[in-house]
Amino acid sequence: MDNVLADFDGAFCLEFGYERRELVSLESRYPDKARSIVKFINDSFVYQHLNPIQLGLDICKWLNDNNYEVAIVTGRPFGFDRINQDWLKRHGVKYSSYVSDIPKTGRIINMQPVCAVDDLFSVQQALSSHFIPTIIVAQPWNRYSFEDMQRISTLDQFIESFEYICERI
């Protein structure tokens, strides 16, 4: 959910600052604020009030409109399922299944999806070893992962990548 559908990083930056966004680890961005970061990450109020990311909403809508099932798999802290599902409903995200698990890659692997959509290169790496293609949503922390890694920032790019994946199945 976070940084694909919900703008967790935007909320984080408002609270802590915009420096070092090329780092995926929040604690690495601000090592002297580790305790405050853990408190922020585990605050249900934060997740209730995240802004939606239009691209993620558009991807879910396109998949639903084209008769694909959307499974939401999140690595958010445990105990936030009701908050997460309320957020999805409030923002009109239709999905066929929802699961919260850490690490989320194991759940995705068990589902054997056509593809996954995420913002983390580590998720793409884990899934690719199980032959599950991952479409990466462009974010500052995945800009320099690998030059040949395709990142998307528009719905048209998503559709092109998704159709390419479907052709190869």
N, C-alpha and C. Protein backbone atom coordinates (compact mmCIF):
# COMPACT_ATOMS: atom_id res chain seq x y z
N MET A 1 0.82 -1.19 0.00
CA MET A 1 0.00 0.00 0.00
C MET A 1 0.86 1.25 0.00
N ASP A 2 1.80 1.30 0.94
CA ASP A 2 2.57 2.52 1.12
C ASP A 2 3.49 2.81 -0.06
N ASN A 3 3.39 4.02 -0.52
CA ASN A 3 4.19 4.57 -1.61
C ASN A 3 3.83 4.00 -2.98
N VAL A 4 2.75 3.23 -3.04
CA VAL A 4 2.13 2.83 -4.31
C VAL A 4 0.70 3.37 -4.32
N LEU A 5 -0.05 3.10 -3.28
CA LEU A 5 -1.42 3.60 -3.15
C LEU A 5 -1.50 4.79 -2.18
N ALA A 6 -0.77 4.72 -1.10
CA ALA A 6 -0.84 5.72 -0.04
C ALA A 6 0.53 6.40 0.12
N ASP A 7 0.50 7.71 0.28
CA ASP A 7 1.73 8.50 0.31
C ASP A 7 2.35 8.54 1.71
N PHE A 8 2.87 7.40 2.12
CA PHE A 8 3.54 7.31 3.42
C PHE A 8 4.77 8.19 3.45
N ASP A 9 5.56 8.18 2.38
CA ASP A 9 6.79 8.97 2.37
C ASP A 9 6.49 10.46 2.47
N GLY A 10 5.40 10.90 1.85
CA GLY A 10 5.04 12.32 1.96
C GLY A 10 4.75 12.70 3.41
N ALA A 11 4.01 11.85 4.12
CA ALA A 11 3.72 12.10 5.53
C ALA A 11 5.00 12.05 6.36
N PHE A 12 5.86 11.09 6.05
CA PHE A 12 7.14 10.98 6.76
C PHE A 12 7.97 12.25 6.56
N CYS A 13 8.04 12.72 5.32
CA CYS A 13 8.84 13.91 5.04
C CYS A 13 8.28 15.15 5.72
N LEU A 14 6.97 15.27 5.81
CA LEU A 14 6.37 16.40 6.53
C LEU A 14 6.78 16.38 8.00
N GLU A 15 6.89 15.19 8.55
CA GLU A 15 7.24 15.05 9.97
C GLU A 15 8.75 15.20 10.22
N PHE A 16 9.58 14.63 9.32
CA PHE A 16 11.01 14.56 9.60
C PHE A 16 11.89 15.37 8.65
N GLY A 17 11.41 15.66 7.46
CA GLY A 17 12.20 16.41 6.49
C GLY A 17 12.39 15.65 5.19
N TYR A 18 12.85 16.35 4.18
CA TYR A 18 12.96 15.80 2.83
C TYR A 18 14.38 15.37 2.46
N GLU A 19 15.30 15.42 3.39
CA GLU A 19 16.68 15.07 3.09
C GLU A 19 16.86 13.57 2.87
N ARG A 20 17.80 13.24 2.03
CA ARG A 20 18.27 11.87 1.81
C ARG A 20 17.17 10.90 1.40
N ARG A 21 16.24 11.36 0.57
CA ARG A 21 15.13 10.52 0.13
C ARG A 21 15.59 9.40 -0.80
N GLU A 22 16.82 9.44 -1.24
CA GLU A 22 17.33 8.35 -2.06
C GLU A 22 17.56 7.09 -1.22
N LEU A 23 17.50 7.22 0.09
CA LEU A 23 17.67 6.09 0.99
C LEU A 23 16.31 5.50 1.33
N VAL A 24 16.17 4.21 1.15
CA VAL A 24 14.90 3.54 1.44
C VAL A 24 14.68 3.41 2.94
N SER A 25 15.73 3.21 3.69
CA SER A 25 15.63 3.03 5.13
C SER A 25 15.41 4.39 5.81
N LEU A 26 14.29 4.52 6.47
CA LEU A 26 13.97 5.78 7.14
C LEU A 26 14.97 6.08 8.25
N GLU A 27 15.38 5.05 8.96
CA GLU A 27 16.35 5.24 10.04
C GLU A 27 17.71 5.68 9.50
N SER A 28 18.04 5.28 8.27
CA SER A 28 19.30 5.72 7.66
C SER A 28 19.23 7.19 7.26
N ARG A 29 18.04 7.66 6.92
CA ARG A 29 17.88 9.08 6.59
C ARG A 29 18.16 9.95 7.81
N TYR A 30 17.68 9.50 8.95
CA TYR A 30 17.81 10.28 10.20
C TYR A 30 18.20 9.36 11.35
N PRO A 31 19.47 8.93 11.40
CA PRO A 31 19.88 7.97 12.43
C PRO A 31 19.68 8.48 13.86
N ASP A 32 19.74 9.77 14.05
CA ASP A 32 19.59 10.33 15.40
C ASP A 32 18.12 10.41 15.83
N LYS A 33 17.19 10.06 14.94
CA LYS A 33 15.77 10.12 15.27
C LYS A 33 15.10 8.74 15.22
N ALA A 34 15.88 7.70 15.44
CA ALA A 34 15.37 6.33 15.30
C ALA A 34 14.16 6.07 16.20
N ARG A 35 14.19 6.52 17.43
CA ARG A 35 13.05 6.28 18.34
C ARG A 35 11.79 6.98 17.84
N SER A 36 11.94 8.21 17.40
CA SER A 36 10.79 8.96 16.89
C SER A 36 10.24 8.33 15.62
N ILE A 37 11.13 7.78 14.81
CA ILE A 37 10.71 7.13 13.56
C ILE A 37 9.90 5.87 13.88
N VAL A 38 10.36 5.07 14.81
CA VAL A 38 9.63 3.86 15.21
C VAL A 38 8.25 4.24 15.73
N LYS A 39 8.18 5.27 16.54
CA LYS A 39 6.89 5.74 17.06
C LYS A 39 5.98 6.18 15.92
N PHE A 40 6.51 6.90 14.95
CA PHE A 40 5.75 7.37 13.80
C PHE A 40 5.22 6.19 12.98
N ILE A 41 6.09 5.22 12.72
CA ILE A 41 5.73 4.05 11.92
C ILE A 41 4.62 3.24 12.59
N ASN A 42 4.57 3.24 13.90
CA ASN A 42 3.59 2.44 14.64
C ASN A 42 2.38 3.24 15.11
N ASP A 43 2.21 4.44 14.57
CA ASP A 43 1.09 5.31 14.95
C ASP A 43 -0.05 5.12 13.95
N SER A 44 -1.15 4.55 14.40
CA SER A 44 -2.28 4.28 13.50
C SER A 44 -2.84 5.56 12.90
N PHE A 45 -2.76 6.67 13.61
CA PHE A 45 -3.26 7.95 13.09
C PHE A 45 -2.57 8.31 11.78
N VAL A 46 -1.29 8.02 11.68
CA VAL A 46 -0.53 8.30 10.46
C VAL A 46 -1.19 7.61 9.26
N TYR A 47 -1.48 6.33 9.40
CA TYR A 47 -2.01 5.54 8.28
C TYR A 47 -3.44 5.94 7.92
N GLN A 48 -4.20 6.37 8.91
CA GLN A 48 -5.58 6.79 8.65
C GLN A 48 -5.64 8.02 7.75
N HIS A 49 -4.62 8.86 7.82
CA HIS A 49 -4.68 10.16 7.16
C HIS A 49 -3.71 10.32 6.00
N LEU A 50 -3.18 9.23 5.48
CA LEU A 50 -2.28 9.34 4.33
C LEU A 50 -3.05 9.77 3.09
N ASN A 51 -2.41 10.61 2.30
CA ASN A 51 -2.99 11.00 1.02
C ASN A 51 -2.86 9.85 0.03
N PRO A 52 -3.81 9.73 -0.88
CA PRO A 52 -3.69 8.69 -1.91
C PRO A 52 -2.68 9.11 -2.98
N ILE A 53 -2.13 8.12 -3.66
CA ILE A 53 -1.26 8.36 -4.81
C ILE A 53 -2.10 8.04 -6.04
N GLN A 54 -2.34 9.03 -6.86
CA GLN A 54 -3.26 8.88 -7.98
C GLN A 54 -2.85 7.75 -8.92
N LEU A 55 -1.57 7.60 -9.19
CA LEU A 55 -1.12 6.53 -10.08
C LEU A 55 -1.55 5.16 -9.54
N GLY A 56 -1.37 4.92 -8.26
CA GLY A 56 -1.77 3.64 -7.68
C GLY A 56 -3.27 3.42 -7.78
N LEU A 57 -4.05 4.47 -7.53
CA LEU A 57 -5.50 4.36 -7.67
C LEU A 57 -5.88 4.05 -9.11
N ASP A 58 -5.20 4.72 -10.06
CA ASP A 58 -5.48 4.49 -11.47
C ASP A 58 -5.12 3.08 -11.91
N ILE A 59 -4.03 2.55 -11.39
CA ILE A 59 -3.62 1.18 -11.71
C ILE A 59 -4.68 0.19 -11.22
N CYS A 60 -5.13 0.34 -9.98
CA CYS A 60 -6.17 -0.56 -9.45
C CYS A 60 -7.44 -0.47 -10.26
N LYS A 61 -7.84 0.74 -10.61
CA LYS A 61 -9.06 0.92 -11.40
C LYS A 61 -8.92 0.26 -12.76
N TRP A 62 -7.78 0.46 -13.42
CA TRP A 62 -7.56 -0.13 -14.74
C TRP A 62 -7.60 -1.66 -14.65
N LEU A 63 -6.94 -2.22 -13.66
CA LEU A 63 -6.94 -3.68 -13.51
C LEU A 63 -8.36 -4.20 -13.28
N ASN A 64 -9.10 -3.55 -12.41
CA ASN A 64 -10.49 -3.95 -12.17
C ASN A 64 -11.34 -3.80 -13.42
N ASP A 65 -11.19 -2.68 -14.12
CA ASP A 65 -11.98 -2.44 -15.34
C ASP A 65 -11.68 -3.45 -16.43
N ASN A 66 -10.48 -4.05 -16.37
CA ASN A 66 -10.08 -5.03 -17.37
C ASN A 66 -10.15 -6.46 -16.84
N ASN A 67 -10.94 -6.64 -15.80
CA ASN A 67 -11.26 -7.96 -15.24
C ASN A 67 -10.07 -8.71 -14.65
N TYR A 68 -9.11 -7.99 -14.12
CA TYR A 68 -8.02 -8.61 -13.37
C TYR A 68 -8.34 -8.49 -11.88
N GLU A 69 -7.93 -9.48 -11.12
CA GLU A 69 -8.11 -9.42 -9.68
C GLU A 69 -6.98 -8.60 -9.07
N VAL A 70 -7.32 -7.79 -8.11
CA VAL A 70 -6.34 -6.98 -7.39
C VAL A 70 -6.25 -7.53 -5.97
N ALA A 71 -5.06 -7.94 -5.60
CA ALA A 71 -4.80 -8.40 -4.24
C ALA A 71 -3.91 -7.36 -3.56
N ILE A 72 -4.35 -6.88 -2.43
CA ILE A 72 -3.56 -5.91 -1.67
C ILE A 72 -2.74 -6.71 -0.66
N VAL A 73 -1.43 -6.57 -0.74
CA VAL A 73 -0.52 -7.21 0.21
C VAL A 73 0.34 -6.09 0.78
N THR A 74 0.26 -5.91 2.08
CA THR A 74 0.98 -4.82 2.71
C THR A 74 1.88 -5.32 3.83
N GLY A 75 2.96 -4.63 4.03
CA GLY A 75 3.88 -4.93 5.12
C GLY A 75 3.74 -3.94 6.26
N ARG A 76 2.58 -3.30 6.34
CA ARG A 76 2.34 -2.36 7.43
C ARG A 76 2.35 -3.10 8.77
N PRO A 77 2.54 -2.35 9.85
CA PRO A 77 2.54 -2.99 11.18
C PRO A 77 1.26 -3.78 11.44
N PHE A 78 1.39 -4.83 12.21
CA PHE A 78 0.25 -5.67 12.56
C PHE A 78 -0.75 -4.87 13.39
N GLY A 79 -2.01 -5.25 13.27
CA GLY A 79 -3.06 -4.62 14.05
C GLY A 79 -3.74 -3.45 13.35
N PHE A 80 -3.32 -3.13 12.13
CA PHE A 80 -3.89 -1.99 11.42
C PHE A 80 -4.82 -2.41 10.29
N ASP A 81 -5.24 -3.66 10.27
CA ASP A 81 -6.05 -4.15 9.15
C ASP A 81 -7.32 -3.34 8.94
N ARG A 82 -8.05 -3.06 10.01
CA ARG A 82 -9.30 -2.29 9.88
C ARG A 82 -9.01 -0.89 9.35
N ILE A 83 -7.97 -0.26 9.85
CA ILE A 83 -7.57 1.07 9.38
C ILE A 83 -7.21 1.01 7.90
N ASN A 84 -6.44 0.00 7.51
CA ASN A 84 -6.01 -0.14 6.12
C ASN A 84 -7.22 -0.36 5.20
N GLN A 85 -8.10 -1.24 5.60
CA GLN A 85 -9.27 -1.54 4.77
C GLN A 85 -10.23 -0.35 4.71
N ASP A 86 -10.35 0.39 5.79
CA ASP A 86 -11.16 1.62 5.76
C ASP A 86 -10.55 2.64 4.81
N TRP A 87 -9.22 2.77 4.83
CA TRP A 87 -8.53 3.70 3.93
C TRP A 87 -8.79 3.30 2.47
N LEU A 88 -8.67 2.01 2.17
CA LEU A 88 -8.91 1.54 0.81
C LEU A 88 -10.34 1.83 0.37
N LYS A 89 -11.29 1.59 1.24
CA LYS A 89 -12.69 1.85 0.92
C LYS A 89 -12.93 3.34 0.71
N ARG A 90 -12.39 4.17 1.59
CA ARG A 90 -12.57 5.61 1.50
C ARG A 90 -12.04 6.18 0.19
N HIS A 91 -11.01 5.54 -0.35
CA HIS A 91 -10.40 6.02 -1.59
C HIS A 91 -10.85 5.23 -2.82
N GLY A 92 -11.86 4.38 -2.64
CA GLY A 92 -12.47 3.69 -3.77
C GLY A 92 -11.64 2.60 -4.39
N VAL A 93 -10.73 2.01 -3.62
CA VAL A 93 -9.90 0.93 -4.15
C VAL A 93 -10.67 -0.38 -4.04
N LYS A 94 -10.95 -0.98 -5.19
CA LYS A 94 -11.62 -2.29 -5.21
C LYS A 94 -10.55 -3.37 -5.29
N TYR A 95 -10.72 -4.41 -4.48
CA TYR A 95 -9.74 -5.48 -4.44
C TYR A 95 -10.45 -6.79 -4.13
N SER A 96 -9.81 -7.88 -4.57
CA SER A 96 -10.40 -9.20 -4.35
C SER A 96 -9.90 -9.84 -3.06
N SER A 97 -8.71 -9.47 -2.62
CA SER A 97 -8.19 -10.00 -1.36
C SER A 97 -7.24 -8.98 -0.73
N TYR A 98 -7.09 -9.12 0.56
CA TYR A 98 -6.25 -8.22 1.34
C TYR A 98 -5.51 -9.06 2.37
N VAL A 99 -4.22 -8.78 2.54
CA VAL A 99 -3.45 -9.45 3.58
C VAL A 99 -2.33 -8.51 4.04
N SER A 100 -2.07 -8.58 5.33
CA SER A 100 -0.96 -7.83 5.92
C SER A 100 0.01 -8.85 6.50
N ASP A 101 1.27 -8.76 6.07
CA ASP A 101 2.25 -9.73 6.53
C ASP A 101 3.65 -9.14 6.38
N ILE A 102 4.51 -9.50 7.29
CA ILE A 102 5.91 -9.09 7.21
C ILE A 102 6.75 -10.35 7.28
N PRO A 103 7.60 -10.64 6.31
CA PRO A 103 7.74 -9.91 5.05
C PRO A 103 6.60 -10.27 4.09
N LYS A 104 6.24 -9.31 3.30
CA LYS A 104 5.09 -9.51 2.39
C LYS A 104 5.43 -10.37 1.19
N THR A 105 6.70 -10.52 0.88
CA THR A 105 7.07 -11.28 -0.32
C THR A 105 6.64 -12.74 -0.24
N GLY A 106 6.68 -13.33 0.94
CA GLY A 106 6.25 -14.72 1.07
C GLY A 106 4.78 -14.90 0.70
N ARG A 107 3.96 -13.97 1.12
CA ARG A 107 2.54 -14.03 0.77
C ARG A 107 2.33 -13.86 -0.73
N ILE A 108 3.07 -12.93 -1.32
CA ILE A 108 2.94 -12.69 -2.76
C ILE A 108 3.37 -13.93 -3.53
N ILE A 109 4.46 -14.54 -3.13
CA ILE A 109 4.95 -15.76 -3.79
C ILE A 109 3.89 -16.86 -3.73
N ASN A 110 3.25 -17.03 -2.58
CA ASN A 110 2.20 -18.05 -2.45
C ASN A 110 1.01 -17.79 -3.35
N MET A 111 0.74 -16.53 -3.66
CA MET A 111 -0.39 -16.17 -4.52
C MET A 111 -0.11 -16.46 -5.99
N GLN A 112 1.16 -16.49 -6.38
CA GLN A 112 1.55 -16.69 -7.77
C GLN A 112 0.82 -15.74 -8.72
N PRO A 113 0.96 -14.43 -8.51
CA PRO A 113 0.25 -13.47 -9.36
C PRO A 113 0.89 -13.34 -10.74
N VAL A 114 0.13 -12.75 -11.67
CA VAL A 114 0.67 -12.43 -12.99
C VAL A 114 1.86 -11.50 -12.82
N CYS A 115 1.71 -10.53 -11.94
CA CYS A 115 2.82 -9.64 -11.59
C CYS A 115 2.49 -8.94 -10.28
N ALA A 116 3.46 -8.25 -9.74
CA ALA A 116 3.29 -7.45 -8.53
C ALA A 116 3.63 -6.01 -8.89
N VAL A 117 3.11 -5.09 -8.09
CA VAL A 117 3.43 -3.68 -8.24
C VAL A 117 3.94 -3.22 -6.88
N ASP A 118 5.12 -2.61 -6.85
CA ASP A 118 5.71 -2.20 -5.59
C ASP A 118 6.64 -1.02 -5.84
N ASP A 119 7.22 -0.50 -4.76
CA ASP A 119 8.19 0.59 -4.87
C ASP A 119 9.58 0.17 -4.42
N LEU A 120 9.72 -1.04 -3.94
CA LEU A 120 10.98 -1.49 -3.36
C LEU A 120 11.72 -2.46 -4.27
N PHE A 121 12.97 -2.13 -4.54
CA PHE A 121 13.81 -3.01 -5.35
C PHE A 121 14.01 -4.35 -4.65
N SER A 122 14.07 -4.36 -3.32
CA SER A 122 14.26 -5.62 -2.59
C SER A 122 13.08 -6.57 -2.83
N VAL A 123 11.88 -6.03 -2.97
CA VAL A 123 10.71 -6.87 -3.27
C VAL A 123 10.84 -7.43 -4.68
N GLN A 124 11.25 -6.59 -5.62
CA GLN A 124 11.44 -7.05 -6.99
C GLN A 124 12.47 -8.18 -7.04
N GLN A 125 13.57 -8.02 -6.34
CA GLN A 125 14.60 -9.06 -6.31
C GLN A 125 14.06 -10.37 -5.75
N ALA A 126 13.37 -10.30 -4.63
CA ALA A 126 12.84 -11.51 -3.99
C ALA A 126 11.83 -12.21 -4.90
N LEU A 127 10.97 -11.44 -5.54
CA LEU A 127 9.95 -12.04 -6.39
C LEU A 127 10.53 -12.57 -7.69
N SER A 128 11.54 -11.90 -8.22
CA SER A 128 12.12 -12.36 -9.50
C SER A 128 12.78 -13.72 -9.35
N SER A 129 13.29 -14.04 -8.17
CA SER A 129 13.88 -15.36 -7.97
C SER A 129 12.81 -16.46 -7.97
N HIS A 130 11.53 -16.05 -7.91
CA HIS A 130 10.40 -16.98 -8.00
C HIS A 130 9.63 -16.76 -9.29
N PHE A 131 10.26 -16.06 -10.23
CA PHE A 131 9.71 -15.83 -11.57
C PHE A 131 8.40 -15.03 -11.55
N ILE A 132 8.30 -14.12 -10.60
CA ILE A 132 7.16 -13.22 -10.52
C ILE A 132 7.64 -11.83 -10.91
N PRO A 133 7.22 -11.34 -12.08
CA PRO A 133 7.65 -10.00 -12.49
C PRO A 133 7.05 -8.93 -11.58
N THR A 134 7.82 -7.87 -11.38
CA THR A 134 7.37 -6.77 -10.53
C THR A 134 7.52 -5.46 -11.27
N ILE A 135 6.45 -4.70 -11.30
CA ILE A 135 6.48 -3.37 -11.89
C ILE A 135 6.76 -2.40 -10.75
N ILE A 136 7.81 -1.62 -10.92
CA ILE A 136 8.26 -0.71 -9.87
C ILE A 136 7.73 0.70 -10.12
N VAL A 137 7.02 1.24 -9.13
CA VAL A 137 6.55 2.61 -9.19
C VAL A 137 7.72 3.53 -8.83
N ALA A 138 7.98 4.50 -9.68
CA ALA A 138 9.12 5.40 -9.49
C ALA A 138 9.00 6.19 -8.19
N GLN A 139 10.06 6.11 -7.41
CA GLN A 139 10.21 6.87 -6.17
C GLN A 139 11.68 7.26 -6.05
N PRO A 140 12.00 8.29 -5.26
CA PRO A 140 13.39 8.71 -5.15
C PRO A 140 14.34 7.61 -4.70
N TRP A 141 13.90 6.69 -3.82
CA TRP A 141 14.77 5.65 -3.29
C TRP A 141 15.00 4.49 -4.25
N ASN A 142 14.29 4.43 -5.35
CA ASN A 142 14.57 3.36 -6.31
C ASN A 142 15.14 3.90 -7.62
N ARG A 143 15.49 5.15 -7.63
CA ARG A 143 16.00 5.79 -8.83
C ARG A 143 17.32 5.18 -9.31
N TYR A 144 18.18 4.81 -8.39
CA TYR A 144 19.53 4.36 -8.77
C TYR A 144 19.77 2.89 -8.47
N SER A 145 18.69 2.10 -8.32
CA SER A 145 18.88 0.69 -7.98
C SER A 145 19.67 -0.05 -9.06
N PHE A 146 19.19 -0.04 -10.28
CA PHE A 146 19.89 -0.61 -11.42
C PHE A 146 19.43 0.13 -12.66
N GLU A 147 20.34 0.39 -13.56
CA GLU A 147 19.98 1.15 -14.76
C GLU A 147 18.95 0.42 -15.61
N ASP A 148 18.98 -0.90 -15.64
CA ASP A 148 18.05 -1.63 -16.50
C ASP A 148 16.70 -1.93 -15.82
N MET A 149 16.55 -1.50 -14.58
CA MET A 149 15.29 -1.70 -13.89
C MET A 149 14.28 -0.69 -14.41
N GLN A 150 13.17 -1.18 -14.90
CA GLN A 150 12.14 -0.29 -15.41
C GLN A 150 11.29 0.23 -14.28
N ARG A 151 11.15 1.54 -14.23
CA ARG A 151 10.30 2.20 -13.24
C ARG A 151 9.19 2.91 -13.99
N ILE A 152 8.00 2.91 -13.42
CA ILE A 152 6.88 3.56 -14.10
C ILE A 152 6.43 4.78 -13.30
N SER A 153 5.96 5.78 -14.02
CA SER A 153 5.43 6.96 -13.35
C SER A 153 4.13 7.44 -13.97
N THR A 154 3.62 6.69 -14.96
CA THR A 154 2.33 7.02 -15.57
C THR A 154 1.51 5.75 -15.77
N LEU A 155 0.22 5.92 -15.91
CA LEU A 155 -0.64 4.76 -16.17
C LEU A 155 -0.30 4.12 -17.51
N ASP A 156 0.00 4.93 -18.51
CA ASP A 156 0.38 4.37 -19.82
C ASP A 156 1.61 3.48 -19.71
N GLN A 157 2.58 3.89 -18.92
CA GLN A 157 3.78 3.05 -18.72
C GLN A 157 3.41 1.75 -18.02
N PHE A 158 2.52 1.84 -17.03
CA PHE A 158 2.08 0.63 -16.36
C PHE A 158 1.41 -0.32 -17.35
N ILE A 159 0.47 0.20 -18.14
CA ILE A 159 -0.27 -0.64 -19.08
C ILE A 159 0.70 -1.30 -20.06
N GLU A 160 1.65 -0.55 -20.56
CA GLU A 160 2.64 -1.10 -21.49
C GLU A 160 3.44 -2.23 -20.83
N SER A 161 3.90 -2.00 -19.61
CA SER A 161 4.66 -3.03 -18.88
C SER A 161 3.81 -4.24 -18.58
N PHE A 162 2.58 -4.01 -18.13
CA PHE A 162 1.68 -5.10 -17.78
C PHE A 162 1.34 -5.95 -19.01
N GLU A 163 1.03 -5.29 -20.11
CA GLU A 163 0.70 -6.04 -21.33
C GLU A 163 1.90 -6.83 -21.83
N TYR A 164 3.09 -6.28 -21.69
CA TYR A 164 4.31 -7.01 -22.07
C TYR A 164 4.45 -8.27 -21.22
N ILE A 165 4.22 -8.14 -19.93
CA ILE A 165 4.30 -9.30 -19.02
C ILE A 165 3.26 -10.34 -19.41
N CYS A 166 2.05 -9.91 -19.70
CA CYS A 166 0.98 -10.84 -20.06
C CYS A 166 1.28 -11.57 -21.37
N GLU A 167 1.91 -10.89 -22.31
CA GLU A 167 2.28 -11.52 -23.58
C GLU A 167 3.28 -12.64 -23.41
N ARG A 168 4.11 -12.54 -22.39
CA ARG A 168 5.18 -13.52 -22.16
C ARG A 168 4.70 -14.73 -21.38
N ILE A 169 3.49 -14.69 -20.86
CA ILE A 169 2.97 -15.83 -20.07
C ILE A 169 2.54 -16.95 -20.98
